[in-house]
Amino acid sequence: MAPLPANSRPAPATCRREEGIREEITLDLRELEEYGAIRRIRGGAEPAPRRGSPYPFDVRAGSDRAAKQALAEAAAQLVPERATVAIDNGTTALAVADRLAGRDLSAMALSLHAAAALARRAGVEVIVPGGPVAQDDLSFHGPGAAEAVRAMRFDVAVLGACAADPEAGLTVAGWGDAQVKRALLETARRVVLVATADKFTRTAAHRFGALADLDTVVTTQDAPADVVHLLRDRGVEVVTVPVPESP
């Protein structure tokens, strides 16, 4: 077959066919997202985790990094000096731990990641609950960790969640993680959920509380408006930060 001249253009029929294929792909992706099989991202899509199955820690750490940094900055400002604070496991809570390093605080870290972040600078007294450590995210989980949490009283608990759907409540993928988070709700004077906007449209397997159990939610300005109104109607303070521009 001879090559096309450099100044030649595709035939109208070819353009229409390609446009039709793109429309079919877009529709297929939309249906897969509605079904829960994929998650749409800029420039394409990625597989969605099964309900109750967490993303690997390294994947979560690289996701929405700019948004998590902005949320962490806002959340850290809610922690007063000389406070006793609990820092949950997860990548968003880890970003908060980074911001709190060097402060005059007493902190219980619920993951080895958060403990290391808090301890990298002098100032914070770092406590860990002990017990089993999860292999992927290095979190403490199970009844022993929950009992260690209940043995303390926190001025602030910085909480994460796999999902915060208004109907399903606060949910996570692991049973042991749910026990620890439930203990945090019981022992903190102020519970601060730090969550990206997508968490309010998800559910996970294990429920540990309701949105009304929260005192403050720190999220981005693109969080669903109906959820923000619902939270405020239930007396929950909502702090929103601008959505960082994608690089």
C-alpha atoms as a PDB file:
ATOM      1  CA  MET A   1       0.000   0.000   0.000  1.00  0.00           C
ATOM      2  CA  ALA A   2       1.376   3.403  -1.013  1.00  0.00           C
ATOM      3  CA  PRO A   3       1.758   5.959   1.810  1.00  0.00           C
ATOM      4  CA  LEU A   4      -0.724   8.824   1.989  1.00  0.00           C
ATOM      5  CA  PRO A   5       0.506  12.220   0.840  1.00  0.00           C
ATOM      6  CA  ALA A   6       1.709  14.438   3.689  1.00  0.00           C
ATOM      7  CA  ASN A   7      -1.095  16.938   3.143  1.00  0.00           C
ATOM      8  CA  SER A   8      -3.856  14.347   2.901  1.00  0.00           C
ATOM      9  CA  ARG A   9      -6.708  14.267   5.424  1.00  0.00           C
ATOM     10  CA  PRO A  10      -8.723  11.312   6.715  1.00  0.00           C
ATOM     11  CA  ALA A  11     -11.931  10.707   4.836  1.00  0.00           C
ATOM     12  CA  PRO A  12     -15.124  11.984   6.523  1.00  0.00           C
ATOM     13  CA  ALA A  13     -16.313   8.402   6.984  1.00  0.00           C
ATOM     14  CA  THR A  14     -13.099   7.557   8.866  1.00  0.00           C
ATOM     15  CA  CYS A  15     -13.520  10.596  11.153  1.00  0.00           C
ATOM     16  CA  ARG A  16     -17.126   9.666  11.905  1.00  0.00           C
ATOM     17  CA  ARG A  17     -16.122   6.089  12.656  1.00  0.00           C
ATOM     18  CA  GLU A  18     -13.361   7.193  15.045  1.00  0.00           C
ATOM     19  CA  GLU A  19     -15.685   9.650  16.751  1.00  0.00           C
ATOM     20  CA  GLY A  20     -18.253   6.885  17.197  1.00  0.00           C
ATOM     21  CA  ILE A  21     -15.623   4.613  18.758  1.00  0.00           C
ATOM     22  CA  ARG A  22     -14.624   7.351  21.227  1.00  0.00           C
ATOM     23  CA  GLU A  23     -18.263   7.863  22.207  1.00  0.00           C
ATOM     24  CA  GLU A  24     -18.719   4.120  22.757  1.00  0.00           C
ATOM     25  CA  ILE A  25     -15.593   3.998  24.933  1.00  0.00           C
ATOM     26  CA  THR A  26     -16.835   6.957  26.992  1.00  0.00           C
ATOM     27  CA  LEU A  27     -20.207   5.300  27.504  1.00  0.00           C
ATOM     28  CA  ASP A  28     -18.578   1.996  28.437  1.00  0.00           C
ATOM     29  CA  LEU A  29     -16.334   3.719  31.005  1.00  0.00           C
ATOM     30  CA  ARG A  30     -19.315   5.561  32.473  1.00  0.00           C
ATOM     31  CA  GLU A  31     -21.271   2.314  32.839  1.00  0.00           C
ATOM     32  CA  LEU A  32     -18.293   0.541  34.419  1.00  0.00           C
ATOM     33  CA  GLU A  33     -17.868   3.408  36.887  1.00  0.00           C
ATOM     34  CA  GLU A  34     -21.556   3.314  37.828  1.00  0.00           C
ATOM     35  CA  TYR A  35     -21.268  -0.435  38.309  1.00  0.00           C
ATOM     36  CA  GLY A  36     -18.279   0.115  40.582  1.00  0.00           C
ATOM     37  CA  ALA A  37     -15.751  -1.745  38.467  1.00  0.00           C
ATOM     38  CA  ILE A  38     -13.491   1.238  37.742  1.00  0.00           C
ATOM     39  CA  ARG A  39     -12.674   4.680  39.044  1.00  0.00           C
ATOM     40  CA  ARG A  40     -12.450   7.504  36.495  1.00  0.00           C
ATOM     41  CA  ILE A  41      -9.250   9.532  36.703  1.00  0.00           C
ATOM     42  CA  ARG A  42      -7.791  12.289  34.584  1.00  0.00           C
ATOM     43  CA  GLY A  43      -6.904  10.846  31.193  1.00  0.00           C
ATOM     44  CA  GLY A  44      -8.494   7.447  31.710  1.00  0.00           C
ATOM     45  CA  ALA A  45      -9.551   5.006  34.406  1.00  0.00           C
ATOM     46  CA  GLU A  46      -8.161   2.605  36.980  1.00  0.00           C
ATOM     47  CA  PRO A  47      -9.614  -0.544  38.587  1.00  0.00           C
ATOM     48  CA  ALA A  48     -11.788   0.087  41.625  1.00  0.00           C
ATOM     49  CA  PRO A  49     -11.144  -1.994  44.727  1.00  0.00           C
ATOM     50  CA  ARG A  50     -13.751  -4.524  45.725  1.00  0.00           C
ATOM     51  CA  ARG A  51     -16.044  -3.356  48.495  1.00  0.00           C
ATOM     52  CA  GLY A  52     -14.249  -4.082  51.736  1.00  0.00           C
ATOM     53  CA  SER A  53     -10.859  -4.433  50.047  1.00  0.00           C
ATOM     54  CA  PRO A  54      -8.449  -1.555  50.664  1.00  0.00           C
ATOM     55  CA  TYR A  55      -6.100  -0.048  48.121  1.00  0.00           C
ATOM     56  CA  PRO A  56      -2.457  -0.986  48.775  1.00  0.00           C
ATOM     57  CA  PHE A  57      -0.768   1.655  50.921  1.00  0.00           C
ATOM     58  CA  ASP A  58       1.714   2.691  48.230  1.00  0.00           C
ATOM     59  CA  VAL A  59      -1.117   3.263  45.756  1.00  0.00           C
ATOM     60  CA  ARG A  60      -3.067   5.361  48.241  1.00  0.00           C
ATOM     61  CA  ALA A  61       0.046   7.339  49.174  1.00  0.00           C
ATOM     62  CA  GLY A  62       0.444   8.487  45.576  1.00  0.00           C
ATOM     63  CA  SER A  63      -3.237   9.317  45.068  1.00  0.00           C
ATOM     64  CA  ASP A  64      -4.606  12.867  45.566  1.00  0.00           C
ATOM     65  CA  ARG A  65      -1.301  13.892  47.118  1.00  0.00           C
ATOM     66  CA  ALA A  66      -1.811  17.655  46.708  1.00  0.00           C
ATOM     67  CA  ALA A  67      -5.308  17.484  48.199  1.00  0.00           C
ATOM     68  CA  LYS A  68      -4.070  15.483  51.179  1.00  0.00           C
ATOM     69  CA  GLN A  69      -1.329  18.017  51.854  1.00  0.00           C
ATOM     70  CA  ALA A  70      -3.860  20.858  51.804  1.00  0.00           C
ATOM     71  CA  LEU A  71      -6.189  18.939  54.122  1.00  0.00           C
ATOM     72  CA  ALA A  72      -3.324  18.149  56.484  1.00  0.00           C
ATOM     73  CA  GLU A  73      -2.363  21.804  56.747  1.00  0.00           C
ATOM     74  CA  ALA A  74      -5.918  22.748  57.719  1.00  0.00           C
ATOM     75  CA  ALA A  75      -6.313  19.844  60.149  1.00  0.00           C
ATOM     76  CA  ALA A  76      -3.022  20.554  61.928  1.00  0.00           C
ATOM     77  CA  GLN A  77      -4.269  24.033  62.754  1.00  0.00           C
ATOM     78  CA  LEU A  78      -7.119  22.482  64.749  1.00  0.00           C
ATOM     79  CA  VAL A  79      -4.689  20.826  67.187  1.00  0.00           C
ATOM     80  CA  PRO A  80      -3.775  23.182  70.072  1.00  0.00           C
ATOM     81  CA  GLU A  81      -0.337  23.287  71.652  1.00  0.00           C
ATOM     82  CA  ARG A  82       0.313  20.861  74.519  1.00  0.00           C
ATOM     83  CA  ALA A  83      -2.657  18.756  73.458  1.00  0.00           C
ATOM     84  CA  THR A  84      -2.947  14.992  73.676  1.00  0.00           C
ATOM     85  CA  VAL A  85      -3.781  13.834  70.173  1.00  0.00           C
ATOM     86  CA  ALA A  86      -4.465  10.533  68.423  1.00  0.00           C
ATOM     87  CA  ILE A  87      -3.324  10.153  64.823  1.00  0.00           C
ATOM     88  CA  ASP A  88      -5.174   7.477  62.893  1.00  0.00           C
ATOM     89  CA  ASN A  89      -3.589   5.208  60.299  1.00  0.00           C
ATOM     90  CA  GLY A  90      -3.881   5.922  56.585  1.00  0.00           C
ATOM     91  CA  THR A  91      -2.225   8.269  54.134  1.00  0.00           C
ATOM     92  CA  THR A  92      -4.249  11.401  54.910  1.00  0.00           C
ATOM     93  CA  ALA A  93      -3.634  11.048  58.643  1.00  0.00           C
ATOM     94  CA  LEU A  94       0.043  10.470  57.839  1.00  0.00           C
ATOM     95  CA  ALA A  95       0.122  13.836  56.079  1.00  0.00           C
ATOM     96  CA  VAL A  96      -1.290  15.400  59.260  1.00  0.00           C
ATOM     97  CA  ALA A  97       1.411  13.675  61.327  1.00  0.00           C
ATOM     98  CA  ASP A  98       4.039  15.246  59.065  1.00  0.00           C
ATOM     99  CA  ARG A  99       2.559  18.676  59.804  1.00  0.00           C
ATOM    100  CA  LEU A 100       2.499  18.056  63.563  1.00  0.00           C
ATOM    101  CA  ALA A 101       6.145  16.953  63.841  1.00  0.00           C
ATOM    102  CA  GLY A 102       8.118  19.247  66.149  1.00  0.00           C
ATOM    103  CA  ARG A 103       5.051  20.561  67.996  1.00  0.00           C
ATOM    104  CA  ASP A 104       4.693  20.434  71.802  1.00  0.00           C
ATOM    105  CA  LEU A 105       2.259  17.519  71.853  1.00  0.00           C
ATOM    106  CA  SER A 106       1.659  14.075  73.287  1.00  0.00           C
ATOM    107  CA  ALA A 107       0.539  11.831  70.432  1.00  0.00           C
ATOM    108  CA  MET A 108      -0.591   8.245  70.075  1.00  0.00           C
ATOM    109  CA  ALA A 109       0.184   7.068  66.558  1.00  0.00           C
ATOM    110  CA  LEU A 110      -1.952   4.247  65.222  1.00  0.00           C
ATOM    111  CA  SER A 111       0.558   3.250  62.562  1.00  0.00           C
ATOM    112  CA  LEU A 112       4.320   2.926  62.443  1.00  0.00           C
ATOM    113  CA  HIS A 113       4.296   5.340  59.490  1.00  0.00           C
ATOM    114  CA  ALA A 114       2.653   8.043  61.609  1.00  0.00           C
ATOM    115  CA  ALA A 115       4.912   7.294  64.589  1.00  0.00           C
ATOM    116  CA  ALA A 116       8.032   7.748  62.449  1.00  0.00           C
ATOM    117  CA  ALA A 117       6.688  10.988  60.962  1.00  0.00           C
ATOM    118  CA  LEU A 118       5.925  12.436  64.402  1.00  0.00           C
ATOM    119  CA  ALA A 119       9.273  11.368  65.873  1.00  0.00           C
ATOM    120  CA  ARG A 120      11.496  12.733  63.102  1.00  0.00           C
ATOM    121  CA  ARG A 121      11.726  16.078  64.927  1.00  0.00           C
ATOM    122  CA  ALA A 122      12.080  16.768  68.646  1.00  0.00           C
ATOM    123  CA  GLY A 123       8.983  18.038  70.434  1.00  0.00           C
ATOM    124  CA  VAL A 124       6.271  15.385  70.201  1.00  0.00           C
ATOM    125  CA  GLU A 125       6.030  12.641  72.799  1.00  0.00           C
ATOM    126  CA  VAL A 126       5.140   9.655  70.621  1.00  0.00           C
ATOM    127  CA  ILE A 127       3.168   6.695  71.969  1.00  0.00           C
ATOM    128  CA  VAL A 128       2.144   3.556  70.108  1.00  0.00           C
ATOM    129  CA  PRO A 129      -0.564   1.155  71.298  1.00  0.00           C
ATOM    130  CA  GLY A 130       1.302  -2.095  70.660  1.00  0.00           C
ATOM    131  CA  GLY A 131      -0.162  -5.331  69.354  1.00  0.00           C
ATOM    132  CA  PRO A 132      -0.239  -6.738  65.813  1.00  0.00           C
ATOM    133  CA  VAL A 133       0.902  -4.548  62.934  1.00  0.00           C
ATOM    134  CA  ALA A 134      -0.651  -4.867  59.492  1.00  0.00           C
ATOM    135  CA  GLN A 135       1.894  -5.773  56.830  1.00  0.00           C
ATOM    136  CA  ASP A 136       0.757  -3.290  54.189  1.00  0.00           C
ATOM    137  CA  ASP A 137       0.052   0.000  55.971  1.00  0.00           C
ATOM    138  CA  LEU A 138       1.878  -0.814  59.242  1.00  0.00           C
ATOM    139  CA  SER A 139      -1.230   0.027  61.262  1.00  0.00           C
ATOM    140  CA  PHE A 140      -2.020  -1.259  64.738  1.00  0.00           C
ATOM    141  CA  HIS A 141      -5.320  -3.102  64.809  1.00  0.00           C
ATOM    142  CA  GLY A 142      -7.494  -5.419  66.833  1.00  0.00           C
ATOM    143  CA  PRO A 143      -8.725  -5.603  70.442  1.00  0.00           C
ATOM    144  CA  GLY A 144      -5.327  -4.913  72.039  1.00  0.00           C
ATOM    145  CA  ALA A 145      -4.858  -1.645  70.177  1.00  0.00           C
ATOM    146  CA  ALA A 146      -8.459  -0.671  70.887  1.00  0.00           C
ATOM    147  CA  GLU A 147      -7.944  -1.245  74.623  1.00  0.00           C
ATOM    148  CA  ALA A 148      -4.796   0.895  74.575  1.00  0.00           C
ATOM    149  CA  VAL A 149      -6.789   3.682  72.943  1.00  0.00           C
ATOM    150  CA  ARG A 150      -9.559   3.389  75.547  1.00  0.00           C
ATOM    151  CA  ALA A 151      -6.978   3.692  78.333  1.00  0.00           C
ATOM    152  CA  MET A 152      -6.228   7.275  77.238  1.00  0.00           C
ATOM    153  CA  ARG A 153      -8.187  10.502  76.913  1.00  0.00           C
ATOM    154  CA  PHE A 154      -7.497  12.625  73.858  1.00  0.00           C
ATOM    155  CA  ASP A 155      -8.097  16.309  73.299  1.00  0.00           C
ATOM    156  CA  VAL A 156      -8.248  15.670  69.553  1.00  0.00           C
ATOM    157  CA  ALA A 157      -8.467  12.523  67.450  1.00  0.00           C
ATOM    158  CA  VAL A 158      -7.475  12.918  63.811  1.00  0.00           C
ATOM    159  CA  LEU A 159      -9.510  10.252  62.085  1.00  0.00           C
ATOM    160  CA  GLY A 160      -9.463   8.685  58.653  1.00  0.00           C
ATOM    161  CA  ALA A 161     -12.009   6.417  56.988  1.00  0.00           C
ATOM    162  CA  CYS A 162     -12.304   4.362  53.836  1.00  0.00           C
ATOM    163  CA  ALA A 163     -15.791   5.799  53.382  1.00  0.00           C
ATOM    164  CA  ALA A 164     -18.180   8.291  54.975  1.00  0.00           C
ATOM    165  CA  ASP A 165     -21.483   7.773  53.187  1.00  0.00           C
ATOM    166  CA  PRO A 166     -24.378   9.611  54.902  1.00  0.00           C
ATOM    167  CA  GLU A 167     -26.580   6.498  54.989  1.00  0.00           C
ATOM    168  CA  ALA A 168     -23.973   3.795  55.627  1.00  0.00           C
ATOM    169  CA  GLY A 169     -22.007   5.925  58.080  1.00  0.00           C
ATOM    170  CA  LEU A 170     -18.277   5.750  58.763  1.00  0.00           C
ATOM    171  CA  THR A 171     -16.868   2.506  57.379  1.00  0.00           C
ATOM    172  CA  VAL A 172     -13.525   0.812  56.806  1.00  0.00           C
ATOM    173  CA  ALA A 173     -12.341  -2.336  55.067  1.00  0.00           C
ATOM    174  CA  GLY A 174     -10.970  -4.185  58.108  1.00  0.00           C
ATOM    175  CA  TRP A 175     -12.773  -5.441  61.214  1.00  0.00           C
ATOM    176  CA  GLY A 176      -9.789  -4.793  63.488  1.00  0.00           C
ATOM    177  CA  ASP A 177      -9.389  -1.265  62.149  1.00  0.00           C
ATOM    178  CA  ALA A 178     -13.053  -0.598  62.888  1.00  0.00           C
ATOM    179  CA  GLN A 179     -12.558  -1.606  66.537  1.00  0.00           C
ATOM    180  CA  VAL A 180      -9.717   0.884  66.966  1.00  0.00           C
ATOM    181  CA  LYS A 181     -11.611   3.709  65.276  1.00  0.00           C
ATOM    182  CA  ARG A 182     -14.685   3.033  67.405  1.00  0.00           C
ATOM    183  CA  ALA A 183     -12.490   3.390  70.489  1.00  0.00           C
ATOM    184  CA  LEU A 184     -11.257   6.742  69.203  1.00  0.00           C
ATOM    185  CA  LEU A 185     -14.836   7.999  68.959  1.00  0.00           C
ATOM    186  CA  GLU A 186     -15.356   7.022  72.594  1.00  0.00           C
ATOM    187  CA  THR A 187     -12.238   8.621  74.070  1.00  0.00           C
ATOM    188  CA  ALA A 188     -11.673  11.926  72.228  1.00  0.00           C
ATOM    189  CA  ARG A 189     -13.148  15.262  73.232  1.00  0.00           C
ATOM    190  CA  ARG A 190     -12.989  16.381  69.598  1.00  0.00           C
ATOM    191  CA  VAL A 191     -13.073  13.995  66.658  1.00  0.00           C
ATOM    192  CA  VAL A 192     -11.798  15.428  63.376  1.00  0.00           C
ATOM    193  CA  LEU A 193     -12.383  13.449  60.182  1.00  0.00           C
ATOM    194  CA  VAL A 194      -9.931  14.385  57.437  1.00  0.00           C
ATOM    195  CA  ALA A 195     -11.173  13.069  54.103  1.00  0.00           C
ATOM    196  CA  THR A 196     -10.978  13.728  50.393  1.00  0.00           C
ATOM    197  CA  ALA A 197     -14.288  14.391  48.650  1.00  0.00           C
ATOM    198  CA  ASP A 198     -14.578  10.936  47.090  1.00  0.00           C
ATOM    199  CA  LYS A 199     -14.904   9.303  50.535  1.00  0.00           C
ATOM    200  CA  PHE A 200     -18.460  10.651  50.873  1.00  0.00           C
ATOM    201  CA  THR A 201     -19.746   8.552  47.973  1.00  0.00           C
ATOM    202  CA  ARG A 202     -18.228   5.216  49.041  1.00  0.00           C
ATOM    203  CA  THR A 203     -19.035   2.439  51.465  1.00  0.00           C
ATOM    204  CA  ALA A 204     -16.859  -0.262  52.998  1.00  0.00           C
ATOM    205  CA  ALA A 205     -17.559  -3.444  54.903  1.00  0.00           C
ATOM    206  CA  HIS A 206     -17.204  -2.531  58.599  1.00  0.00           C
ATOM    207  CA  ARG A 207     -19.129   0.319  60.218  1.00  0.00           C
ATOM    208  CA  PHE A 208     -17.634   2.034  63.236  1.00  0.00           C
ATOM    209  CA  GLY A 209     -19.778   5.140  63.613  1.00  0.00           C
ATOM    210  CA  ALA A 210     -22.170   7.685  62.165  1.00  0.00           C
ATOM    211  CA  LEU A 211     -21.434  11.092  60.682  1.00  0.00           C
ATOM    212  CA  ALA A 212     -23.140  12.601  63.729  1.00  0.00           C
ATOM    213  CA  ASP A 213     -20.359  11.106  65.902  1.00  0.00           C
ATOM    214  CA  LEU A 214     -17.943  13.605  64.389  1.00  0.00           C
ATOM    215  CA  ASP A 215     -17.218  17.074  65.696  1.00  0.00           C
ATOM    216  CA  THR A 216     -15.365  18.432  62.663  1.00  0.00           C
ATOM    217  CA  VAL A 217     -14.872  17.367  59.054  1.00  0.00           C
ATOM    218  CA  VAL A 218     -11.980  18.714  57.001  1.00  0.00           C
ATOM    219  CA  THR A 219     -12.476  18.144  53.282  1.00  0.00           C
ATOM    220  CA  THR A 220     -12.060  19.817  49.914  1.00  0.00           C
ATOM    221  CA  GLN A 221     -14.465  22.317  48.400  1.00  0.00           C
ATOM    222  CA  ASP A 222     -15.628  19.803  45.799  1.00  0.00           C
ATOM    223  CA  ALA A 223     -17.239  17.607  48.473  1.00  0.00           C
ATOM    224  CA  PRO A 224     -20.904  16.842  47.670  1.00  0.00           C
ATOM    225  CA  ALA A 225     -22.980  19.870  48.651  1.00  0.00           C
ATOM    226  CA  ASP A 226     -25.800  17.741  50.052  1.00  0.00           C
ATOM    227  CA  VAL A 227     -23.381  15.956  52.382  1.00  0.00           C
ATOM    228  CA  VAL A 228     -21.904  19.251  53.581  1.00  0.00           C
ATOM    229  CA  HIS A 229     -25.409  20.590  54.329  1.00  0.00           C
ATOM    230  CA  LEU A 230     -26.332  17.369  56.109  1.00  0.00           C
ATOM    231  CA  LEU A 231     -23.244  17.514  58.297  1.00  0.00           C
ATOM    232  CA  ARG A 232     -23.883  21.104  59.282  1.00  0.00           C
ATOM    233  CA  ASP A 233     -27.536  20.353  60.000  1.00  0.00           C
ATOM    234  CA  ARG A 234     -26.344  17.663  62.426  1.00  0.00           C
ATOM    235  CA  GLY A 235     -24.093  20.112  64.226  1.00  0.00           C
ATOM    236  CA  VAL A 236     -20.822  18.995  62.638  1.00  0.00           C
ATOM    237  CA  GLU A 237     -18.342  21.748  61.817  1.00  0.00           C
ATOM    238  CA  VAL A 238     -17.183  21.532  58.192  1.00  0.00           C
ATOM    239  CA  VAL A 239     -13.869  23.060  57.149  1.00  0.00           C
ATOM    240  CA  THR A 240     -13.254  23.111  53.399  1.00  0.00           C
ATOM    241  CA  VAL A 241     -10.036  23.839  51.548  1.00  0.00           C
ATOM    242  CA  PRO A 242      -9.604  24.761  47.885  1.00  0.00           C
ATOM    243  CA  VAL A 243      -9.081  21.900  45.462  1.00  0.00           C
ATOM    244  CA  PRO A 244      -5.423  21.958  44.382  1.00  0.00           C
ATOM    245  CA  GLU A 245      -4.870  22.197  40.650  1.00  0.00           C
ATOM    246  CA  SER A 246      -3.657  19.047  38.954  1.00  0.00           C
ATOM    247  CA  PRO A 247      -0.004  19.243  37.893  1.00  0.00           C
END
